[in-house]
N, C-alpha and C. Protein backbone atom coordinates (compact mmCIF):
# COMPACT_ATOMS: atom_id res chain seq x y z
N UNK A 1 20.67 -147.22 -44.12
CA UNK A 1 20.73 -148.45 -44.66
C UNK A 1 20.80 -148.43 -46.22
N UNK A 2 22.03 -148.12 -46.82
CA UNK A 2 22.18 -147.98 -48.15
C UNK A 2 21.91 -149.19 -48.98
N UNK A 3 21.96 -150.38 -48.45
CA UNK A 3 21.59 -151.45 -49.14
C UNK A 3 20.57 -151.75 -48.95
N UNK A 4 19.67 -152.48 -50.09
CA UNK A 4 18.47 -152.92 -49.93
C UNK A 4 18.00 -154.37 -50.09
N UNK A 5 17.12 -154.78 -49.84
CA UNK A 5 16.66 -156.13 -49.86
C UNK A 5 15.15 -156.15 -50.46
N UNK A 6 14.43 -157.46 -50.71
CA UNK A 6 13.01 -157.39 -50.89
C UNK A 6 12.46 -157.28 -49.51
N UNK A 7 11.16 -156.33 -49.36
CA UNK A 7 10.59 -156.15 -48.43
C UNK A 7 10.16 -157.48 -47.48
N UNK A 8 10.00 -158.76 -47.97
CA UNK A 8 9.68 -159.77 -47.34
C UNK A 8 11.34 -160.39 -46.49
N UNK A 9 12.11 -159.93 -47.12
CA UNK A 9 13.53 -160.34 -46.44
C UNK A 9 13.97 -159.34 -45.36
N UNK A 10 13.74 -158.13 -45.73
CA UNK A 10 13.83 -157.34 -44.46
C UNK A 10 13.15 -157.69 -43.57
N UNK A 11 11.62 -157.92 -43.81
CA UNK A 11 10.85 -158.17 -42.52
C UNK A 11 11.18 -159.07 -41.64
N UNK A 12 11.78 -160.45 -42.46
CA UNK A 12 12.10 -161.60 -41.71
C UNK A 12 13.39 -161.37 -40.96
N UNK A 13 14.27 -160.68 -41.55
CA UNK A 13 15.48 -160.45 -40.98
C UNK A 13 15.25 -159.42 -39.76
N UNK A 14 14.46 -158.41 -39.61
CA UNK A 14 14.01 -157.59 -38.28
C UNK A 14 13.38 -158.49 -37.47
N UNK A 15 12.64 -159.43 -37.78
CA UNK A 15 12.26 -160.41 -36.67
C UNK A 15 13.50 -161.11 -35.93
N UNK A 16 14.43 -161.68 -36.51
CA UNK A 16 15.63 -162.17 -36.27
C UNK A 16 16.40 -161.20 -35.24
N UNK A 17 16.63 -159.88 -35.83
CA UNK A 17 17.02 -158.89 -35.22
C UNK A 17 16.60 -158.67 -33.81
N UNK A 18 15.19 -158.42 -33.89
CA UNK A 18 14.47 -158.21 -32.43
C UNK A 18 14.60 -159.25 -31.47
N UNK A 19 14.59 -160.67 -31.97
CA UNK A 19 15.11 -161.66 -31.17
C UNK A 19 16.39 -161.68 -30.34
N UNK A 20 17.48 -161.35 -31.22
CA UNK A 20 18.80 -161.51 -30.74
C UNK A 20 19.12 -160.32 -29.87
N UNK A 21 18.37 -159.20 -29.70
CA UNK A 21 18.77 -158.06 -28.63
C UNK A 21 18.36 -158.47 -27.38
N UNK A 22 19.15 -158.08 -26.38
CA UNK A 22 18.99 -158.37 -24.84
C UNK A 22 18.87 -157.09 -24.15
N UNK A 23 19.86 -156.46 -24.14
CA UNK A 23 20.36 -155.19 -23.40
C UNK A 23 19.67 -154.99 -22.11
N UNK A 24 20.62 -155.87 -21.34
CA UNK A 24 20.31 -155.83 -19.71
C UNK A 24 20.33 -154.62 -19.15
N UNK A 25 19.62 -154.18 -18.16
CA UNK A 25 19.97 -153.10 -17.15
C UNK A 25 21.19 -153.34 -16.62
N UNK A 26 22.05 -152.30 -16.83
CA UNK A 26 23.47 -152.29 -16.31
C UNK A 26 23.91 -151.95 -14.89
N UNK A 27 24.78 -152.62 -14.27
CA UNK A 27 25.02 -152.28 -12.82
C UNK A 27 26.66 -152.57 -12.58
N UNK A 28 26.93 -151.87 -11.66
CA UNK A 28 28.63 -151.68 -11.51
C UNK A 28 28.79 -153.18 -11.54
N UNK A 29 30.07 -153.61 -12.18
CA UNK A 29 30.64 -154.96 -12.27
C UNK A 29 32.21 -154.70 -11.85
N UNK A 30 32.70 -156.26 -11.75
CA UNK A 30 34.01 -156.43 -11.63
C UNK A 30 35.15 -156.29 -12.98
N UNK A 31 34.13 -156.68 -14.00
CA UNK A 31 34.88 -156.53 -15.31
C UNK A 31 34.11 -156.61 -16.65
N UNK A 32 34.44 -155.64 -17.49
CA UNK A 32 33.83 -155.65 -18.86
C UNK A 32 34.71 -156.17 -19.62
N UNK A 33 34.00 -157.24 -20.38
CA UNK A 33 34.33 -157.87 -21.40
C UNK A 33 33.75 -157.78 -22.71
N UNK A 34 34.73 -157.17 -23.50
CA UNK A 34 34.37 -157.02 -25.12
C UNK A 34 34.94 -158.10 -25.89
N UNK A 35 33.62 -158.36 -26.92
CA UNK A 35 34.04 -159.76 -27.67
C UNK A 35 34.18 -159.17 -28.84
N UNK A 36 35.49 -159.34 -29.45
CA UNK A 36 36.15 -158.97 -30.67
C UNK A 36 35.13 -159.45 -31.92
N UNK A 37 35.37 -158.77 -32.76
CA UNK A 37 34.54 -158.96 -34.23
C UNK A 37 35.03 -157.99 -35.20
N UNK A 38 34.20 -157.75 -36.19
CA UNK A 38 34.22 -156.99 -37.47
C UNK A 38 33.93 -155.31 -36.90
N UNK A 39 33.26 -155.30 -35.86
CA UNK A 39 32.44 -154.06 -35.56
C UNK A 39 33.23 -153.22 -34.17
N UNK A 40 33.95 -152.28 -34.56
CA UNK A 40 34.73 -151.51 -33.66
C UNK A 40 33.79 -150.73 -32.85
N UNK A 41 32.63 -150.60 -33.08
CA UNK A 41 31.67 -149.84 -32.19
C UNK A 41 31.52 -150.59 -30.77
N UNK A 42 31.72 -151.97 -30.79
CA UNK A 42 31.75 -152.72 -29.41
C UNK A 42 32.81 -151.99 -28.59
N UNK A 43 33.84 -151.52 -29.23
CA UNK A 43 35.33 -151.10 -28.16
C UNK A 43 34.66 -149.98 -27.90
N UNK A 44 34.01 -148.84 -28.80
CA UNK A 44 33.41 -147.73 -28.30
C UNK A 44 32.52 -147.77 -27.00
N UNK A 45 31.55 -148.81 -27.30
CA UNK A 45 30.88 -149.06 -25.97
C UNK A 45 31.25 -149.67 -24.85
N UNK A 46 32.20 -150.44 -24.85
CA UNK A 46 33.31 -150.84 -23.71
C UNK A 46 33.90 -149.47 -23.13
N UNK A 47 34.53 -148.71 -23.79
CA UNK A 47 34.88 -147.58 -23.25
C UNK A 47 34.08 -146.52 -22.67
N UNK A 48 32.95 -146.19 -23.13
CA UNK A 48 31.81 -145.64 -22.73
C UNK A 48 31.62 -146.17 -21.30
N UNK A 49 31.18 -147.32 -21.30
CA UNK A 49 30.78 -148.03 -19.98
C UNK A 49 32.09 -147.80 -18.76
N UNK A 50 33.46 -148.03 -19.37
CA UNK A 50 34.45 -147.80 -18.74
C UNK A 50 34.34 -146.44 -17.99
N UNK A 51 34.32 -145.31 -18.96
CA UNK A 51 34.25 -144.14 -18.55
C UNK A 51 33.12 -143.74 -17.38
N UNK A 52 32.10 -144.48 -17.54
CA UNK A 52 31.01 -144.07 -16.49
C UNK A 52 31.29 -144.86 -15.15
N UNK A 53 32.29 -145.61 -15.03
CA UNK A 53 32.46 -146.07 -13.68
C UNK A 53 31.85 -147.55 -13.82
N UNK A 54 31.51 -147.94 -14.68
CA UNK A 54 30.67 -149.44 -14.41
C UNK A 54 31.85 -150.61 -14.15
N UNK A 55 32.95 -150.57 -14.09
CA UNK A 55 33.81 -151.59 -14.06
C UNK A 55 35.29 -151.01 -14.16
N UNK A 56 36.32 -151.46 -13.28
CA UNK A 56 37.60 -150.83 -13.17
C UNK A 56 38.38 -151.47 -14.32
N UNK A 57 38.41 -152.56 -15.25
CA UNK A 57 39.12 -152.93 -16.23
C UNK A 57 38.30 -153.52 -17.36
N UNK A 58 38.72 -153.60 -18.48
CA UNK A 58 38.14 -154.16 -19.66
C UNK A 58 39.00 -155.21 -20.25
N UNK A 59 38.42 -156.51 -20.69
CA UNK A 59 39.27 -157.51 -21.06
C UNK A 59 38.35 -157.49 -22.65
N UNK A 60 39.75 -157.39 -23.48
CA UNK A 60 38.94 -157.59 -25.12
C UNK A 60 39.49 -158.85 -25.32
N UNK A 61 38.72 -159.70 -26.04
CA UNK A 61 38.70 -161.16 -26.21
C UNK A 61 38.84 -161.44 -27.84
N UNK A 62 39.56 -161.83 -28.51
CA UNK A 62 39.32 -162.42 -29.98
C UNK A 62 40.51 -162.39 -30.72
N UNK A 63 40.74 -163.71 -31.68
CA UNK A 63 41.81 -163.86 -32.55
C UNK A 63 41.48 -163.40 -33.89
N UNK A 64 40.80 -164.29 -34.51
CA UNK A 64 39.92 -163.76 -35.53
C UNK A 64 38.94 -164.88 -35.94
N UNK A 65 37.77 -164.55 -36.43
CA UNK A 65 36.60 -165.50 -36.81
C UNK A 65 36.13 -165.54 -38.09
N UNK A 66 35.06 -166.05 -38.46
CA UNK A 66 34.30 -166.15 -39.86
C UNK A 66 34.45 -164.82 -40.32
N UNK A 67 34.31 -163.86 -39.73
CA UNK A 67 34.07 -162.41 -40.51
C UNK A 67 35.48 -161.55 -40.39
N UNK A 68 36.39 -161.95 -39.81
CA UNK A 68 37.32 -160.90 -39.52
C UNK A 68 38.81 -161.45 -40.35
N UNK A 69 38.99 -162.70 -40.50
CA UNK A 69 40.07 -163.08 -41.11
C UNK A 69 40.48 -161.92 -42.18
N UNK A 70 41.79 -161.21 -41.85
CA UNK A 70 42.45 -160.47 -42.59
C UNK A 70 41.79 -159.10 -42.73
N UNK A 71 40.91 -158.83 -41.71
CA UNK A 71 40.36 -157.45 -41.47
C UNK A 71 41.13 -156.49 -40.78
N UNK A 72 41.84 -157.03 -39.95
CA UNK A 72 42.94 -156.07 -38.97
C UNK A 72 44.17 -156.50 -39.21
N UNK A 73 44.96 -155.59 -38.91
CA UNK A 73 46.64 -156.10 -39.11
C UNK A 73 47.10 -156.97 -37.67
N UNK A 74 46.33 -156.73 -36.43
CA UNK A 74 46.43 -157.43 -35.41
C UNK A 74 45.42 -158.51 -35.16
N UNK A 75 45.42 -159.29 -34.08
CA UNK A 75 44.01 -159.97 -33.55
C UNK A 75 42.86 -158.76 -33.41
N UNK A 76 41.53 -159.37 -33.22
CA UNK A 76 40.85 -158.61 -32.75
C UNK A 76 40.53 -157.99 -31.69
N UNK A 77 41.16 -158.64 -30.72
CA UNK A 77 41.37 -158.10 -29.01
C UNK A 77 42.43 -157.01 -29.23
N UNK A 78 43.54 -157.19 -29.98
CA UNK A 78 44.47 -156.14 -29.90
C UNK A 78 43.97 -154.92 -30.56
N UNK A 79 43.17 -155.19 -31.93
CA UNK A 79 42.33 -153.90 -32.69
C UNK A 79 41.65 -153.16 -31.47
N UNK A 80 40.78 -154.00 -30.86
CA UNK A 80 39.77 -153.43 -30.18
C UNK A 80 40.24 -152.72 -29.04
N UNK A 81 41.60 -153.29 -28.49
CA UNK A 81 42.55 -152.35 -27.46
C UNK A 81 42.92 -151.24 -27.69
N UNK A 82 43.40 -151.31 -29.02
CA UNK A 82 44.18 -150.05 -29.56
C UNK A 82 42.86 -148.92 -29.93
N UNK A 83 41.69 -149.43 -30.17
CA UNK A 83 40.51 -148.43 -30.43
C UNK A 83 40.09 -147.79 -29.08
N UNK A 84 40.19 -148.68 -28.02
CA UNK A 84 39.67 -147.91 -26.86
C UNK A 84 40.78 -146.98 -26.26
N UNK A 85 41.62 -147.49 -26.30
CA UNK A 85 42.90 -146.40 -25.90
C UNK A 85 42.98 -145.11 -26.59
N UNK A 86 42.52 -145.20 -27.97
CA UNK A 86 42.30 -144.15 -28.63
C UNK A 86 40.79 -143.10 -28.14
N UNK A 87 39.97 -144.16 -27.46
CA UNK A 87 39.09 -143.50 -26.89
C UNK A 87 39.57 -142.87 -25.52
N UNK A 88 40.33 -142.93 -25.00
CA UNK A 88 40.85 -142.56 -23.53
C UNK A 88 40.99 -143.33 -22.60
N UNK A 89 40.75 -144.77 -22.84
CA UNK A 89 41.02 -145.76 -21.64
C UNK A 89 42.25 -146.02 -21.41
N UNK A 90 42.96 -146.19 -20.22
CA UNK A 90 44.36 -146.18 -20.13
C UNK A 90 44.62 -147.47 -20.44
N UNK A 91 45.95 -147.61 -20.80
CA UNK A 91 46.29 -149.40 -21.15
C UNK A 91 46.43 -149.89 -19.86
N UNK A 92 46.75 -149.51 -18.67
CA UNK A 92 47.00 -150.57 -17.39
C UNK A 92 45.49 -150.83 -16.98
N UNK A 93 44.47 -150.31 -17.86
CA UNK A 93 43.00 -150.72 -17.57
C UNK A 93 42.27 -151.83 -18.55
N UNK A 94 43.38 -152.13 -19.44
CA UNK A 94 42.94 -153.01 -20.62
C UNK A 94 43.79 -154.59 -20.46
N UNK A 95 43.06 -155.50 -20.72
CA UNK A 95 43.46 -156.67 -20.50
C UNK A 95 43.07 -157.35 -22.13
N UNK A 96 44.11 -158.18 -22.58
CA UNK A 96 43.99 -158.73 -23.92
C UNK A 96 44.07 -160.21 -23.83
N UNK A 97 42.96 -160.95 -24.36
CA UNK A 97 42.97 -162.49 -24.61
C UNK A 97 43.01 -162.59 -26.24
N UNK A 98 44.10 -162.87 -26.89
CA UNK A 98 44.18 -162.82 -28.23
C UNK A 98 44.01 -164.00 -28.92
N UNK A 99 43.35 -165.22 -28.40
CA UNK A 99 43.38 -166.61 -28.91
C UNK A 99 41.99 -166.99 -29.58
N UNK A 100 41.02 -166.44 -28.84
CA UNK A 100 39.56 -167.08 -29.02
C UNK A 100 39.12 -166.75 -30.61
N UNK A 101 38.58 -167.75 -30.95
CA UNK A 101 37.98 -167.72 -32.53
C UNK A 101 36.51 -167.96 -32.50
N UNK A 102 35.76 -167.82 -31.45
CA UNK A 102 34.32 -167.93 -31.79
C UNK A 102 33.82 -167.58 -30.09
N UNK A 103 32.71 -167.33 -29.98
CA UNK A 103 31.89 -166.72 -28.61
C UNK A 103 32.25 -167.86 -27.60
N UNK A 104 32.27 -169.22 -28.01
CA UNK A 104 32.30 -170.16 -26.91
C UNK A 104 33.70 -169.85 -26.40
N UNK A 105 34.64 -169.81 -27.22
CA UNK A 105 36.21 -169.51 -26.78
C UNK A 105 36.48 -168.16 -26.16
N UNK A 106 35.55 -167.10 -26.58
CA UNK A 106 35.69 -165.99 -25.89
C UNK A 106 35.28 -166.12 -24.48
N UNK A 107 34.32 -166.74 -24.25
CA UNK A 107 33.77 -166.79 -22.79
C UNK A 107 34.62 -167.70 -21.91
N UNK A 108 35.17 -168.80 -22.46
CA UNK A 108 36.14 -169.66 -21.88
C UNK A 108 37.44 -169.13 -21.68
N UNK A 109 37.98 -168.63 -22.49
CA UNK A 109 39.33 -168.07 -22.44
C UNK A 109 39.52 -166.65 -21.53
N UNK A 110 38.12 -166.03 -21.67
CA UNK A 110 38.09 -164.60 -20.50
C UNK A 110 37.99 -165.27 -19.32
N UNK A 111 37.08 -166.29 -18.99
CA UNK A 111 37.14 -166.86 -17.56
C UNK A 111 38.21 -167.22 -17.16
N UNK A 112 39.30 -168.30 -17.73
CA UNK A 112 40.49 -168.44 -17.31
C UNK A 112 41.15 -167.15 -16.93
N UNK A 113 41.16 -166.43 -17.74
CA UNK A 113 42.17 -165.15 -17.79
C UNK A 113 41.91 -164.12 -16.28
N UNK A 114 40.40 -164.32 -16.25
CA UNK A 114 39.67 -163.69 -15.40
C UNK A 114 39.58 -163.93 -13.81
N UNK A 115 39.86 -165.11 -13.68
CA UNK A 115 40.05 -165.95 -12.50
C UNK A 115 38.86 -165.91 -11.47
N UNK A 116 38.91 -166.56 -10.62
CA UNK A 116 37.97 -166.68 -9.75
C UNK A 116 37.40 -165.64 -8.82
N UNK A 117 38.10 -164.85 -8.83
CA UNK A 117 37.63 -163.38 -8.07
C UNK A 117 36.75 -162.64 -8.51
N UNK A 118 36.62 -162.78 -10.08
CA UNK A 118 35.66 -162.18 -10.66
C UNK A 118 34.28 -162.68 -10.48
N UNK A 119 33.39 -162.01 -10.31
CA UNK A 119 31.97 -162.64 -9.86
C UNK A 119 30.74 -161.81 -10.55
N UNK A 120 31.23 -160.51 -11.23
CA UNK A 120 30.14 -159.92 -11.62
C UNK A 120 30.71 -159.22 -13.24
N UNK A 121 30.21 -159.70 -14.13
CA UNK A 121 30.64 -159.08 -15.51
C UNK A 121 29.87 -158.47 -16.34
N UNK A 122 30.14 -157.61 -17.16
CA UNK A 122 29.40 -156.96 -18.32
C UNK A 122 29.62 -157.37 -19.60
N UNK A 123 29.04 -158.20 -20.32
CA UNK A 123 29.64 -158.55 -21.74
C UNK A 123 29.17 -157.37 -22.76
N UNK A 124 29.87 -156.96 -23.82
CA UNK A 124 29.67 -156.18 -24.54
C UNK A 124 29.97 -156.88 -26.21
N UNK A 125 28.73 -156.93 -26.85
CA UNK A 125 29.03 -157.72 -27.94
C UNK A 125 28.37 -156.84 -29.25
N UNK A 126 28.28 -157.39 -30.13
CA UNK A 126 27.19 -156.55 -31.27
C UNK A 126 26.12 -156.73 -30.86
N UNK A 127 25.05 -155.78 -31.49
CA UNK A 127 23.54 -156.19 -30.97
C UNK A 127 23.01 -157.68 -31.44
N UNK A 128 23.42 -157.82 -32.73
CA UNK A 128 22.76 -159.08 -33.05
C UNK A 128 23.25 -160.50 -32.52
N UNK A 129 24.41 -160.34 -31.65
CA UNK A 129 25.12 -161.61 -30.88
C UNK A 129 24.85 -161.62 -29.69
N UNK A 130 23.81 -160.35 -29.05
CA UNK A 130 23.69 -160.36 -27.47
C UNK A 130 23.05 -161.69 -27.08
N UNK A 131 21.91 -162.25 -27.61
CA UNK A 131 21.16 -163.37 -27.17
C UNK A 131 22.12 -164.43 -27.21
N UNK A 132 23.06 -164.74 -28.33
CA UNK A 132 23.92 -165.86 -28.22
C UNK A 132 25.15 -165.80 -27.21
N UNK A 133 25.61 -164.70 -27.02
CA UNK A 133 26.43 -164.26 -25.73
C UNK A 133 25.56 -164.75 -24.33
N UNK A 134 24.45 -164.13 -24.28
CA UNK A 134 23.74 -164.58 -23.12
C UNK A 134 23.66 -166.15 -22.90
N UNK A 135 23.35 -166.74 -24.07
CA UNK A 135 22.98 -168.39 -23.80
C UNK A 135 24.47 -169.04 -23.41
N UNK A 136 25.35 -168.29 -24.21
CA UNK A 136 26.94 -168.99 -23.92
C UNK A 136 27.47 -168.87 -22.71
N UNK A 137 27.44 -167.43 -22.05
CA UNK A 137 27.91 -167.31 -20.86
C UNK A 137 27.08 -168.12 -19.66
N UNK A 138 25.89 -168.42 -19.77
CA UNK A 138 25.17 -168.93 -18.82
C UNK A 138 25.56 -170.56 -18.92
N UNK A 139 25.83 -170.88 -19.77
CA UNK A 139 26.53 -172.63 -20.15
C UNK A 139 27.83 -172.82 -19.50
N UNK A 140 28.92 -171.90 -19.88
CA UNK A 140 30.09 -172.13 -20.03
C UNK A 140 30.72 -171.35 -18.66
N UNK A 141 29.92 -170.30 -18.07
CA UNK A 141 30.33 -169.44 -16.96
C UNK A 141 29.58 -169.33 -16.04
N UNK A 142 28.60 -170.42 -15.41
CA UNK A 142 27.25 -170.28 -14.75
C UNK A 142 27.30 -169.62 -13.54
N UNK A 143 28.63 -169.53 -12.90
CA UNK A 143 28.74 -168.80 -11.60
C UNK A 143 29.08 -167.43 -11.33
N UNK A 144 28.88 -167.01 -12.62
CA UNK A 144 29.05 -165.41 -12.76
C UNK A 144 27.93 -164.84 -13.00
N UNK A 145 27.83 -163.55 -12.45
CA UNK A 145 26.68 -162.71 -12.67
C UNK A 145 26.89 -161.91 -13.81
N UNK A 146 26.44 -162.31 -15.12
CA UNK A 146 26.53 -161.89 -16.31
C UNK A 146 25.42 -160.77 -16.81
N UNK A 147 25.78 -159.64 -17.24
CA UNK A 147 24.91 -158.81 -17.83
C UNK A 147 25.37 -158.61 -19.53
N UNK A 148 24.55 -158.34 -20.20
CA UNK A 148 25.01 -158.28 -21.50
C UNK A 148 24.22 -157.34 -22.31
N UNK A 149 25.18 -156.31 -23.00
CA UNK A 149 24.62 -155.11 -23.54
C UNK A 149 25.46 -155.09 -25.22
N UNK A 150 25.29 -154.13 -26.06
CA UNK A 150 26.01 -153.77 -27.22
C UNK A 150 25.91 -152.70 -27.43
N UNK A 151 26.38 -151.94 -28.70
CA UNK A 151 26.12 -150.67 -28.98
C UNK A 151 24.68 -150.22 -29.10
N UNK A 152 24.50 -148.95 -28.96
CA UNK A 152 22.95 -148.61 -28.94
C UNK A 152 22.53 -147.80 -30.10
N UNK A 153 22.33 -148.65 -31.19
CA UNK A 153 21.86 -148.31 -32.55
C UNK A 153 21.02 -149.57 -33.12
N UNK A 154 20.32 -149.04 -33.95
CA UNK A 154 19.13 -149.96 -34.51
C UNK A 154 19.47 -150.71 -35.65
N UNK A 155 18.63 -151.49 -36.55
CA UNK A 155 18.86 -152.56 -37.51
C UNK A 155 19.32 -151.64 -38.63
N UNK A 156 18.87 -150.55 -38.96
CA UNK A 156 19.38 -149.73 -39.96
C UNK A 156 20.84 -149.63 -40.11
N UNK A 157 21.24 -149.10 -38.74
CA UNK A 157 22.70 -148.47 -38.57
C UNK A 157 23.88 -149.71 -38.42
N UNK A 158 23.13 -151.00 -38.34
CA UNK A 158 24.24 -152.11 -38.06
C UNK A 158 25.07 -152.36 -39.49
N UNK A 159 24.57 -152.42 -40.59
CA UNK A 159 25.61 -152.61 -41.81
C UNK A 159 26.66 -151.70 -41.82
N UNK A 160 27.71 -152.28 -42.27
CA UNK A 160 29.04 -151.35 -42.46
C UNK A 160 29.37 -151.65 -44.08
N UNK A 161 30.26 -150.83 -44.33
CA UNK A 161 30.79 -150.94 -45.81
C UNK A 161 31.57 -152.40 -45.71
N UNK A 162 32.46 -152.77 -44.85
CA UNK A 162 33.07 -153.82 -44.71
C UNK A 162 31.93 -155.15 -44.24
N UNK A 163 31.08 -154.78 -43.77
CA UNK A 163 29.99 -155.93 -43.23
C UNK A 163 28.57 -155.55 -43.63
N UNK A 164 28.20 -155.70 -44.96
CA UNK A 164 26.97 -155.20 -45.40
C UNK A 164 25.82 -155.78 -44.98
N UNK A 165 24.69 -155.73 -45.08
CA UNK A 165 23.23 -156.07 -45.06
C UNK A 165 23.14 -157.63 -45.35
N UNK A 166 23.53 -157.74 -46.49
CA UNK A 166 23.76 -159.44 -46.68
C UNK A 166 24.24 -160.35 -45.88
N UNK A 167 25.54 -160.01 -45.39
CA UNK A 167 26.34 -160.62 -44.34
C UNK A 167 25.65 -160.65 -43.00
N UNK A 168 25.25 -159.53 -42.62
CA UNK A 168 24.41 -159.33 -41.33
C UNK A 168 23.05 -160.62 -41.45
N UNK A 169 22.60 -160.76 -42.35
CA UNK A 169 21.44 -161.53 -42.49
C UNK A 169 22.00 -162.97 -42.44
N UNK A 170 22.71 -163.28 -43.11
CA UNK A 170 23.80 -164.79 -43.01
C UNK A 170 24.02 -164.91 -41.83
N UNK A 171 24.57 -164.14 -40.90
CA UNK A 171 24.88 -164.25 -39.50
C UNK A 171 23.89 -164.53 -38.40
N UNK A 172 22.76 -163.65 -38.72
CA UNK A 172 21.56 -163.96 -37.76
C UNK A 172 21.07 -165.09 -38.04
N UNK A 173 20.78 -165.63 -39.18
CA UNK A 173 20.26 -166.84 -39.36
C UNK A 173 21.19 -168.09 -38.93
N UNK A 174 22.66 -167.72 -39.10
CA UNK A 174 23.66 -168.88 -38.65
C UNK A 174 23.34 -168.97 -36.80
N UNK A 175 23.33 -167.98 -36.36
CA UNK A 175 23.09 -167.80 -35.07
C UNK A 175 21.96 -168.43 -34.23
N UNK A 176 20.57 -168.28 -35.02
CA UNK A 176 19.45 -169.20 -34.77
C UNK A 176 19.78 -170.64 -35.06
N UNK A 177 20.50 -171.09 -35.69
CA UNK A 177 20.62 -172.64 -36.10
C UNK A 177 21.69 -172.86 -35.10
N UNK A 178 22.45 -172.04 -34.13
CA UNK A 178 23.59 -172.61 -33.33
C UNK A 178 22.61 -172.63 -32.03
N UNK A 179 21.93 -171.80 -31.66
CA UNK A 179 21.02 -171.75 -30.69
C UNK A 179 19.96 -173.09 -30.59
N UNK A 180 19.73 -173.63 -31.76
CA UNK A 180 19.02 -174.97 -31.94
C UNK A 180 19.77 -175.97 -31.63
N UNK A 181 21.19 -176.23 -32.16
CA UNK A 181 22.04 -177.17 -32.15
C UNK A 181 22.67 -177.23 -31.10
N UNK A 182 23.26 -176.17 -30.24
CA UNK A 182 24.51 -176.11 -29.30
C UNK A 182 23.86 -176.53 -27.93
N UNK A 183 22.79 -176.45 -27.41
CA UNK A 183 22.44 -176.82 -26.18
C UNK A 183 22.90 -178.15 -25.93
N UNK A 184 22.52 -179.14 -26.72
CA UNK A 184 22.60 -180.48 -26.63
C UNK A 184 24.19 -180.73 -26.76
N UNK A 185 25.04 -179.97 -27.13
CA UNK A 185 26.51 -179.97 -27.07
C UNK A 185 27.25 -179.28 -25.90
N UNK A 186 26.24 -178.86 -24.94
CA UNK A 186 26.51 -177.88 -23.69
C UNK A 186 27.54 -176.65 -23.93
N UNK A 187 26.97 -176.13 -25.47
CA UNK A 187 27.68 -175.03 -25.43
C UNK A 187 27.01 -173.64 -25.10
N UNK A 188 25.55 -173.79 -25.14
CA UNK A 188 24.58 -172.68 -24.66
C UNK A 188 23.48 -173.37 -23.78
N UNK A 189 22.72 -172.52 -23.13
CA UNK A 189 21.68 -173.17 -22.52
C UNK A 189 20.61 -173.15 -23.52
N UNK A 190 19.44 -173.80 -23.24
CA UNK A 190 18.29 -174.13 -23.64
C UNK A 190 17.62 -173.00 -24.09
N UNK A 191 17.05 -172.10 -25.06
CA UNK A 191 16.13 -170.84 -25.12
C UNK A 191 14.92 -171.32 -25.98
N UNK A 192 14.03 -170.59 -25.38
CA UNK A 192 12.63 -171.06 -26.33
C UNK A 192 12.70 -169.91 -27.50
N UNK A 193 12.64 -170.47 -28.72
CA UNK A 193 12.50 -169.66 -30.04
C UNK A 193 11.30 -169.71 -30.33
N UNK A 194 10.55 -168.62 -30.47
CA UNK A 194 9.02 -168.30 -30.80
C UNK A 194 8.79 -168.87 -32.11
N UNK A 195 7.67 -169.14 -32.55
CA UNK A 195 7.08 -169.52 -33.73
C UNK A 195 7.37 -168.44 -34.80
N UNK A 196 7.24 -167.43 -34.43
CA UNK A 196 7.80 -166.29 -35.46
C UNK A 196 8.79 -166.20 -35.86
N UNK A 197 9.82 -166.40 -34.73
CA UNK A 197 11.37 -166.35 -35.38
C UNK A 197 11.66 -167.37 -35.93
N UNK A 198 10.98 -168.81 -35.87
CA UNK A 198 11.76 -170.12 -36.34
C UNK A 198 11.15 -169.68 -37.83
N UNK A 199 9.62 -169.27 -37.96
CA UNK A 199 9.44 -169.17 -39.15
C UNK A 199 10.24 -168.20 -40.18
N UNK A 200 10.73 -167.21 -39.53
CA UNK A 200 11.44 -166.31 -40.38
C UNK A 200 12.92 -166.76 -40.44
N UNK A 201 13.48 -167.64 -39.42
CA UNK A 201 14.51 -168.40 -40.13
C UNK A 201 14.38 -169.17 -41.17
N UNK A 202 13.49 -170.03 -41.15
CA UNK A 202 13.33 -171.10 -42.14
C UNK A 202 13.14 -170.28 -43.47
N UNK A 203 12.20 -169.05 -43.58
CA UNK A 203 12.09 -168.51 -44.61
C UNK A 203 13.49 -167.87 -45.14
N UNK A 204 14.39 -167.32 -44.43
CA UNK A 204 15.33 -167.05 -44.94
C UNK A 204 16.52 -167.90 -45.20
N UNK A 205 16.38 -169.06 -44.70
CA UNK A 205 17.14 -170.33 -45.01
C UNK A 205 16.87 -170.62 -46.52
N UNK A 206 15.68 -170.53 -46.77
CA UNK A 206 14.80 -170.87 -48.21
C UNK A 206 15.31 -169.98 -49.26
N UNK A 207 15.60 -168.73 -48.66
CA UNK A 207 15.87 -167.60 -49.59
C UNK A 207 17.26 -167.62 -50.10
N UNK A 208 18.02 -168.23 -49.26
CA UNK A 208 19.59 -168.48 -49.58
C UNK A 208 20.52 -168.15 -48.49
N UNK A 209 20.04 -167.74 -47.39
CA UNK A 209 20.61 -166.79 -46.25
C UNK A 209 21.14 -168.20 -45.35
N UNK A 210 22.20 -168.92 -46.15
CA UNK A 210 22.40 -170.28 -45.26
C UNK A 210 24.14 -170.37 -44.98
N UNK A 211 24.81 -169.17 -45.44
CA UNK A 211 26.35 -169.28 -45.53
C UNK A 211 26.71 -169.34 -44.09
N UNK A 212 26.36 -169.19 -42.87
CA UNK A 212 26.77 -169.32 -41.80
C UNK A 212 26.33 -170.30 -41.01
N UNK A 213 25.53 -171.38 -41.73
CA UNK A 213 24.96 -172.44 -41.21
C UNK A 213 26.27 -173.52 -40.90
């Protein structure tokens, strides 16, 4: 992690990071769903799970969102699909949903494309958006058996040149706010937010990490 922040900021950010992680134990599914973002390592993880035989197809979903406007020459889904093809996934094993602009739309639009026959899915997203994906799919696609996973790396390796540590902290803070607000709107299920996580969230907001609220 080349970028540095004050020790108290990093400590609070790590509390949020740990809370956002899910990493369900995986089993064979009908479909892998890769949530589009700035992070092509999600597409790599989808390709590896496909190669392991965990599902016969991958559905990539995403147009552009808060962090990816102008990042790709195509939609997120198309960029992820191209990356997966480069990793050896056959084109006829890939589905593309190119219109979603947030995780709620990722789930709803993927559900509409997948159809009623899909009963078991694996959702692949960034490490720090696993819990948000978990809460969203259980609210908006409650009848599917959904497992959530992400690329297998730690906090230190998540920042990228195009998405540095500062932006990562803003994102994690914003997703805690969504976990607080969205259940009342039907976007996510209610989740228990530990006191330590809420305190870290409040500390980071007061420190100026509120651009994603």
